[in-house]
Amino acid sequence: MTDAVANASPLTGRSTHRDDDRGVLRLEQVTMVRRGLTLVEDLSVTVRPGQTLAVTGASGAGKTTLLRAISGLSDTDAGTVLRPTGSLSQVFQEPRLMPWYSAHRNISLVVGGPTPDLTAFQWLERVGLASAGHLPPARLSGGMRQRVAIARALSTDPSLLLVDEPFSALDRPLATALRADLIDLLADQDVITVWVTHDPDEAEEVSHLHLHLDGPPGTWRLST
């Protein structure tokens, strides 16, 4: 395992977000400053299809800020974020399902192609919920709702998946089981994944690359 620590001189300017026709996620000399504090400075990393980048760090270290920059929801203060061409999906701590729709409908609504209903059913099967597709979120357990959210995110065949502590609200045995299931699903997908977690053990389990953010003054460590 190799480690790199960055603490470069300050950079100025605005970030550039654009698609990378080589199909990789590439952060080039990214710097992020919030409320006068440098959270990340001069960060460069490349994540290829089929790889997972785990991001750890204490609260306030910049994990969510980095995720927002990767998604394009916010700018960095310097550097470039190159995203793979194709769609982007996200899995959050809260499933964020539409309560007035069934589990099946929550998935089929986001699926493209000629057979969204069939695709939604197939994904429900893959997450072990084929018999629960007719149920609304209120009648599903927390773990079942998160399985629907995972199925919904992957059903669009994304090129980039952002995972933001999806199991932190669940008890440990259930979180462990769901994490193993998601790892298995990702093994069948040629998707680039960025996985934010507070749990260093989870980071080691899911990742090909592990980025730890130290927070101000912007140092970070990248291991493979």
Protein backbone atom coordinates (compact mmCIF):
# COMPACT_ATOMS: atom_id res chain seq x y z
CA MET A 1 0.00 0.00 0.00
CA THR A 2 1.35 3.41 -0.92
CA ASP A 3 0.49 6.72 0.65
CA ALA A 4 0.66 10.25 -0.69
CA VAL A 5 0.22 13.40 1.38
CA ALA A 6 -0.53 16.73 -0.30
CA ASN A 7 -0.15 20.18 1.21
CA ALA A 8 0.64 22.47 -1.70
CA SER A 9 0.56 26.23 -2.07
CA PRO A 10 -2.87 27.90 -2.39
CA LEU A 11 -4.56 27.95 -5.79
CA THR A 12 -7.10 30.41 -7.05
CA GLY A 13 -9.80 30.39 -9.71
CA ARG A 14 -12.94 28.41 -10.48
CA SER A 15 -13.30 24.75 -11.29
CA THR A 16 -14.20 23.29 -14.64
CA HIS A 17 -16.71 20.44 -14.87
CA ARG A 18 -16.84 18.50 -18.07
CA ASP A 19 -17.26 14.99 -19.40
CA ASP A 20 -14.16 12.88 -19.96
CA ASP A 21 -14.42 10.94 -23.20
CA ARG A 22 -11.92 8.42 -21.86
CA GLY A 23 -14.56 7.18 -19.42
CA VAL A 24 -12.73 7.95 -16.17
CA LEU A 25 -13.35 10.21 -13.20
CA ARG A 26 -10.40 12.55 -12.92
CA LEU A 27 -9.78 15.26 -10.32
CA GLU A 28 -6.90 17.51 -11.31
CA GLN A 29 -5.34 19.82 -8.71
CA VAL A 30 -8.68 20.39 -6.98
CA THR A 31 -8.82 22.87 -4.11
CA MET A 32 -11.93 23.56 -2.01
CA VAL A 33 -12.32 26.42 0.45
CA ARG A 34 -15.40 26.94 2.62
CA ARG A 35 -15.94 29.76 5.12
CA GLY A 36 -12.32 30.75 4.77
CA LEU A 37 -11.04 27.26 5.59
CA THR A 38 -9.16 25.14 3.06
CA LEU A 39 -10.76 21.69 3.20
CA VAL A 40 -8.85 20.10 0.32
CA GLU A 41 -5.79 21.46 -1.45
CA ASP A 42 -4.28 20.40 -4.78
CA LEU A 43 -6.03 17.01 -4.92
CA SER A 44 -5.42 14.85 -7.99
CA VAL A 45 -6.84 11.34 -8.38
CA THR A 46 -8.12 9.17 -11.23
CA VAL A 47 -10.82 6.50 -10.80
CA ARG A 48 -11.45 4.03 -13.61
CA PRO A 49 -14.55 2.01 -14.56
CA GLY A 50 -15.11 -0.84 -12.11
CA GLN A 51 -13.18 0.92 -9.34
CA THR A 52 -14.47 2.33 -6.05
CA LEU A 53 -12.91 5.37 -4.39
CA ALA A 54 -13.69 5.42 -0.67
CA VAL A 55 -13.58 8.84 0.99
CA THR A 56 -13.14 9.10 4.75
CA GLY A 57 -12.48 11.88 7.22
CA ALA A 58 -13.88 13.50 10.33
CA SER A 59 -17.06 15.56 10.25
CA GLY A 60 -16.32 18.86 8.55
CA ALA A 61 -13.26 17.52 6.71
CA GLY A 62 -14.86 18.07 3.31
CA LYS A 63 -16.32 14.69 2.33
CA THR A 64 -19.75 15.99 1.35
CA THR A 65 -18.22 19.11 -0.20
CA LEU A 66 -16.05 16.92 -2.40
CA LEU A 67 -19.02 14.75 -3.36
CA ARG A 68 -20.99 17.84 -4.38
CA ALA A 69 -18.09 19.02 -6.51
CA ILE A 70 -17.85 15.64 -8.23
CA SER A 71 -21.59 15.64 -8.92
CA GLY A 72 -21.42 19.15 -10.39
CA LEU A 73 -23.71 20.66 -7.75
CA SER A 74 -21.00 23.03 -6.57
CA ASP A 75 -17.75 24.50 -7.85
CA THR A 76 -14.31 23.95 -6.47
CA ASP A 77 -12.09 26.95 -5.89
CA ALA A 78 -9.44 25.67 -8.26
CA GLY A 79 -8.74 22.67 -10.40
CA THR A 80 -10.76 20.52 -12.78
CA VAL A 81 -13.31 17.74 -12.28
CA LEU A 82 -13.62 15.46 -15.31
CA ARG A 83 -16.58 13.09 -15.14
CA PRO A 84 -17.15 10.03 -17.32
CA THR A 85 -19.72 10.39 -20.07
CA GLY A 86 -23.11 8.87 -19.27
CA SER A 87 -25.51 9.16 -16.39
CA LEU A 88 -24.84 9.79 -12.71
CA SER A 89 -26.73 8.11 -9.85
CA GLN A 90 -26.63 8.64 -6.11
CA VAL A 91 -27.44 6.60 -3.01
CA PHE A 92 -27.95 8.65 0.15
CA GLN A 93 -28.25 7.89 3.85
CA GLU A 94 -32.00 8.39 3.46
CA PRO A 95 -33.59 6.41 0.59
CA ARG A 96 -35.53 9.45 -0.69
CA LEU A 97 -38.28 7.37 -2.23
CA MET A 98 -41.53 8.93 -3.40
CA PRO A 99 -44.02 7.86 -0.71
CA TRP A 100 -47.09 7.86 -2.95
CA TYR A 101 -45.60 5.31 -5.38
CA SER A 102 -44.91 1.61 -4.98
CA ALA A 103 -41.39 0.25 -4.75
CA HIS A 104 -41.68 -0.91 -8.36
CA ARG A 105 -42.90 2.47 -9.56
CA ASN A 106 -40.10 4.28 -7.74
CA ILE A 107 -37.67 2.35 -9.93
CA SER A 108 -39.55 2.25 -13.24
CA LEU A 109 -39.95 6.04 -13.24
CA VAL A 110 -36.21 6.56 -13.69
CA VAL A 111 -35.55 3.70 -16.10
CA GLY A 112 -35.09 4.50 -19.76
CA GLY A 113 -35.56 2.19 -22.69
CA PRO A 114 -38.59 0.35 -24.08
CA THR A 115 -39.32 -1.88 -21.05
CA PRO A 116 -39.05 0.14 -17.82
CA ASP A 117 -41.52 -2.06 -15.94
CA LEU A 118 -39.58 -5.23 -16.75
CA THR A 119 -36.26 -3.60 -15.87
CA ALA A 120 -37.67 -2.40 -12.55
CA PHE A 121 -38.93 -5.89 -11.72
CA GLN A 122 -35.57 -7.43 -12.62
CA TRP A 123 -33.80 -5.04 -10.28
CA LEU A 124 -36.25 -5.78 -7.49
CA GLU A 125 -35.38 -9.45 -8.00
CA ARG A 126 -31.68 -8.68 -7.80
CA VAL A 127 -32.07 -6.96 -4.43
CA GLY A 128 -34.39 -9.67 -3.07
CA LEU A 129 -37.63 -7.69 -3.20
CA ALA A 130 -39.52 -9.27 -6.10
CA SER A 131 -42.52 -10.00 -3.87
CA ALA A 132 -42.60 -6.49 -2.36
CA GLY A 133 -42.71 -4.41 -5.51
CA HIS A 134 -46.36 -3.46 -5.01
CA LEU A 135 -45.78 -2.01 -1.54
CA PRO A 136 -45.35 1.71 -0.82
CA PRO A 137 -42.27 2.84 1.13
CA ALA A 138 -44.28 3.23 4.34
CA ARG A 139 -44.86 -0.53 4.39
CA LEU A 140 -41.21 -1.39 3.90
CA SER A 141 -38.57 -1.70 6.59
CA GLY A 142 -35.59 0.64 6.62
CA GLY A 143 -33.38 -1.99 5.04
CA MET A 144 -35.95 -2.75 2.35
CA ARG A 145 -36.30 0.94 1.49
CA GLN A 146 -32.54 1.21 1.11
CA ARG A 147 -32.54 -1.84 -1.18
CA VAL A 148 -35.11 -0.09 -3.38
CA ALA A 149 -32.93 3.02 -3.43
CA ILE A 150 -29.93 0.94 -4.50
CA ALA A 151 -31.95 -0.80 -7.21
CA ARG A 152 -33.23 2.55 -8.45
CA ALA A 153 -29.71 4.00 -8.62
CA LEU A 154 -28.26 1.06 -10.55
CA SER A 155 -31.25 0.52 -12.85
CA THR A 156 -30.22 3.52 -14.97
CA ASP A 157 -26.88 1.82 -15.81
CA PRO A 158 -24.88 4.81 -14.54
CA SER A 159 -21.29 5.47 -15.47
CA LEU A 160 -20.76 7.24 -12.11
CA LEU A 161 -22.32 6.26 -8.76
CA LEU A 162 -22.04 8.48 -5.68
CA VAL A 163 -22.66 6.72 -2.37
CA ASP A 164 -23.07 8.88 0.74
CA GLU A 165 -23.09 6.77 3.94
CA PRO A 166 -26.15 4.75 2.87
CA PHE A 167 -26.10 2.33 5.81
CA SER A 168 -25.12 4.60 8.72
CA ALA A 169 -28.71 4.78 10.02
CA LEU A 170 -29.10 0.97 10.09
CA ASP A 171 -28.04 -1.46 12.80
CA ARG A 172 -24.65 -3.06 12.24
CA PRO A 173 -25.74 -6.58 11.18
CA LEU A 174 -28.16 -5.18 8.60
CA ALA A 175 -25.64 -2.61 7.41
CA THR A 176 -23.03 -5.35 6.98
CA ALA A 177 -25.43 -7.49 4.95
CA LEU A 178 -26.53 -4.62 2.71
CA ARG A 179 -22.95 -3.50 2.16
CA ALA A 180 -22.01 -7.01 1.02
CA ASP A 181 -24.99 -7.04 -1.33
CA LEU A 182 -24.03 -3.70 -2.85
CA ILE A 183 -20.43 -4.82 -3.32
CA ASP A 184 -21.72 -7.89 -5.18
CA LEU A 185 -23.96 -5.75 -7.38
CA LEU A 186 -21.13 -3.37 -8.19
CA ALA A 187 -18.93 -6.30 -9.20
CA ASP A 188 -21.32 -6.89 -12.10
CA GLN A 189 -21.41 -3.23 -13.13
CA ASP A 190 -18.67 -1.38 -15.00
CA VAL A 191 -19.37 1.71 -12.93
CA ILE A 192 -17.10 4.24 -11.23
CA THR A 193 -18.12 4.57 -7.57
CA VAL A 194 -17.27 7.25 -5.02
CA TRP A 195 -18.25 5.99 -1.55
CA VAL A 196 -18.25 8.38 1.42
CA THR A 197 -18.09 6.79 4.86
CA HIS A 198 -17.06 7.54 8.45
CA ASP A 199 -16.11 3.88 8.93
CA PRO A 200 -12.47 3.06 8.03
CA ASP A 201 -13.24 -0.67 8.03
CA GLU A 202 -16.04 -0.13 5.52
CA ALA A 203 -13.69 1.97 3.41
CA GLU A 204 -11.13 -0.82 3.28
CA GLU A 205 -13.78 -3.39 2.40
CA VAL A 206 -15.37 -1.51 -0.49
CA SER A 207 -12.49 0.39 -2.06
CA HIS A 208 -9.83 0.03 -4.69
CA LEU A 209 -8.59 3.51 -3.76
CA HIS A 210 -8.92 5.13 -0.33
CA LEU A 211 -8.84 8.90 0.06
CA HIS A 212 -8.67 10.23 3.61
CA LEU A 213 -9.34 13.94 4.10
CA ASP A 214 -7.64 15.56 7.07
CA GLY A 215 -9.63 18.79 6.72
CA PRO A 216 -8.06 22.22 7.32
CA PRO A 217 -5.40 23.08 6.23
CA GLY A 218 -6.34 20.83 3.30
CA THR A 219 -4.03 17.83 3.60
CA TRP A 220 -5.13 14.43 2.33
CA ARG A 221 -3.82 10.88 1.98
CA LEU A 222 -4.45 8.54 -0.93
CA SER A 223 -3.76 4.82 -0.65
CA THR A 224 -4.19 1.90 -3.04
